[in-house]
Amino acid sequence: MDRGNRHTSRTGWLAALAALTLLAGAAAACSPRDPGGERRVVDAPIEAIDILVRESAPPGYTAKITSGLPSGCARFHEARITGRSGTTITISVTNTMPADPETICTDIYGYHETNLDLGQDFVSGGTYTVRVNDRARTFRAQ
């Protein structure tokens, strides 16, 4: 190998090292400011509510809920029935997000599906409403 090739090889290696150093600095700038990972609970956006009828006597019902994960930082937290008043069933679906509002998150929208058992305590022919966060779905019991 002659001296010119060795110099070119060394220059290329140094350029690659410099590029990696810049990338590492950029990655650090995009990481959360709070590496401890403190998170806050927020309502999840609701994309769809479907009511499934289970074949049993009497029929049982399940709420199939599709909720959104509006960024790469969003994590599904929980879905739970928070109340039932007359013919209305209320459900809360939540995500967690970084507590630090300066955290940079990827702009990727994801989905999470949850099936919640609503039970069998429904009057045949009755109309019921399932309210999930800011959305609602009405169904008629069989």
Protein backbone atom coordinates (compact mmCIF):
# COMPACT_ATOMS: atom_id res chain seq x y z
CA MET A 1 0.00 0.00 0.00
CA ASP A 2 1.46 3.35 -0.89
CA ARG A 3 1.50 6.44 1.31
CA GLY A 4 -1.41 8.13 -0.57
CA ASN A 5 -3.84 5.26 0.11
CA ARG A 6 -2.89 5.13 3.79
CA HIS A 7 -3.56 8.88 4.08
CA THR A 8 -6.96 8.53 2.34
CA SER A 9 -7.89 5.63 4.57
CA ARG A 10 -6.93 7.54 7.72
CA THR A 11 -8.83 10.66 6.54
CA GLY A 12 -11.94 8.57 5.84
CA TRP A 13 -11.75 6.98 9.27
CA LEU A 14 -11.42 10.39 10.97
CA ALA A 15 -14.40 11.73 8.97
CA ALA A 16 -16.50 8.74 10.04
CA LEU A 17 -15.49 9.27 13.67
CA ALA A 18 -16.45 12.94 13.47
CA ALA A 19 -19.83 12.05 11.96
CA LEU A 20 -20.51 9.52 14.72
CA THR A 21 -19.61 12.11 17.36
CA LEU A 22 -22.08 14.58 15.82
CA LEU A 23 -24.82 11.92 15.70
CA ALA A 24 -24.23 11.00 19.33
CA GLY A 25 -24.57 14.67 20.30
CA ALA A 26 -27.80 14.99 18.31
CA ALA A 27 -29.21 11.84 19.92
CA ALA A 28 -28.42 13.19 23.37
CA ALA A 29 -30.19 16.44 22.48
CA CYS A 30 -33.32 14.47 21.55
CA SER A 31 -33.43 12.36 24.69
CA PRO A 32 -35.75 13.15 27.60
CA ARG A 33 -34.45 15.76 29.99
CA ASP A 34 -35.63 13.64 32.88
CA PRO A 35 -33.86 10.29 32.56
CA GLY A 36 -35.64 9.14 35.73
CA GLY A 37 -38.70 8.66 33.59
CA GLU A 38 -41.35 10.39 35.66
CA ARG A 39 -44.70 10.14 33.87
CA ARG A 40 -48.15 11.67 34.16
CA VAL A 41 -51.51 10.03 33.45
CA VAL A 42 -53.63 11.55 30.64
CA ASP A 43 -56.90 10.60 28.93
CA ALA A 44 -56.33 8.52 25.80
CA PRO A 45 -57.94 9.57 22.53
CA ILE A 46 -60.69 7.10 21.63
CA GLU A 47 -60.70 5.89 18.04
CA ALA A 48 -63.51 3.29 18.15
CA ILE A 49 -65.98 1.61 20.50
CA ASP A 50 -67.57 -1.67 19.45
CA ILE A 51 -70.00 -3.68 21.53
CA LEU A 52 -69.59 -7.45 21.22
CA VAL A 53 -72.32 -9.87 22.26
CA ARG A 54 -71.17 -13.09 23.92
CA GLU A 55 -73.28 -16.17 23.39
CA SER A 56 -74.49 -17.03 26.86
CA ALA A 57 -77.79 -17.07 28.71
CA PRO A 58 -78.43 -14.27 29.38
CA PRO A 59 -76.19 -12.65 26.75
CA GLY A 60 -73.01 -11.01 27.98
CA TYR A 61 -71.52 -7.86 26.52
CA THR A 62 -67.95 -6.72 25.93
CA ALA A 63 -66.75 -3.24 25.00
CA LYS A 64 -63.95 -3.46 22.43
CA ILE A 65 -62.16 -0.12 22.66
CA THR A 66 -59.49 1.14 20.27
CA SER A 67 -57.54 3.97 21.89
CA GLY A 68 -54.77 6.10 20.45
CA LEU A 69 -51.14 6.48 21.44
CA PRO A 70 -50.51 9.96 20.00
CA SER A 71 -46.69 9.87 20.03
CA GLY A 72 -43.73 7.60 20.52
CA CYS A 73 -43.68 8.65 24.19
CA ALA A 74 -47.29 7.62 24.90
CA ARG A 75 -47.78 4.34 26.80
CA PHE A 76 -51.10 2.64 27.47
CA HIS A 77 -51.94 2.90 31.17
CA GLU A 78 -55.34 1.35 31.86
CA ALA A 79 -58.96 0.90 30.85
CA ARG A 80 -61.54 0.47 33.59
CA ILE A 81 -65.24 0.82 34.22
CA THR A 82 -65.67 3.85 36.47
CA GLY A 83 -69.42 3.70 36.94
CA ARG A 84 -72.87 2.64 35.85
CA SER A 85 -75.90 4.86 36.29
CA GLY A 86 -79.16 3.50 34.90
CA THR A 87 -78.51 2.67 31.25
CA THR A 88 -75.15 4.44 31.00
CA ILE A 89 -71.82 2.72 31.60
CA THR A 90 -68.79 4.99 31.99
CA ILE A 91 -65.29 3.82 31.12
CA SER A 92 -61.97 5.61 31.55
CA VAL A 93 -59.04 4.86 29.24
CA THR A 94 -55.71 6.48 30.04
CA ASN A 95 -52.16 6.70 28.75
CA THR A 96 -49.00 7.94 30.42
CA MET A 97 -46.73 10.63 28.99
CA PRO A 98 -43.40 12.02 30.20
CA ALA A 99 -43.94 14.50 33.03
CA ASP A 100 -41.42 16.92 31.53
CA PRO A 101 -43.20 18.94 28.80
CA GLU A 102 -39.80 19.57 27.13
CA THR A 103 -39.37 15.86 26.32
CA ILE A 104 -38.99 15.36 22.59
CA CYS A 105 -41.14 12.51 21.25
CA THR A 106 -41.36 10.88 17.85
CA ASP A 107 -44.41 11.81 15.79
CA ILE A 108 -45.72 8.25 15.47
CA TYR A 109 -49.41 7.53 16.15
CA GLY A 110 -50.14 4.09 17.54
CA TYR A 111 -53.20 2.15 18.70
CA HIS A 112 -54.12 -0.06 21.63
CA GLU A 113 -57.09 -2.43 21.79
CA THR A 114 -58.84 -3.31 25.04
CA ASN A 115 -61.74 -5.68 25.70
CA LEU A 116 -63.72 -4.89 28.86
CA ASP A 117 -66.42 -7.24 30.14
CA LEU A 118 -69.64 -5.27 30.71
CA GLY A 119 -71.44 -8.19 32.32
CA GLN A 120 -74.87 -9.73 31.72
CA ASP A 121 -77.09 -7.35 33.70
CA PHE A 122 -79.03 -5.91 30.74
CA VAL A 123 -82.78 -5.89 30.03
CA SER A 124 -83.63 -7.42 26.65
CA GLY A 125 -84.74 -4.68 24.24
CA GLY A 126 -83.28 -1.92 26.44
CA THR A 127 -81.05 0.77 24.98
CA TYR A 128 -77.72 1.32 26.72
CA THR A 129 -74.92 3.85 26.30
CA VAL A 130 -71.25 3.10 26.81
CA ARG A 131 -69.34 6.35 27.39
CA VAL A 132 -65.56 6.11 26.99
CA ASN A 133 -63.70 9.36 27.78
CA ASP A 134 -65.23 11.86 25.32
CA ARG A 135 -66.93 9.33 22.99
CA ALA A 136 -70.09 7.25 23.33
CA ARG A 137 -71.67 4.22 21.72
CA THR A 138 -75.32 3.15 22.09
CA PHE A 139 -76.56 -0.43 21.72
CA ARG A 140 -79.76 -2.40 22.16
CA ALA A 141 -79.62 -5.42 24.46
CA GLN A 142 -80.80 -8.75 23.04
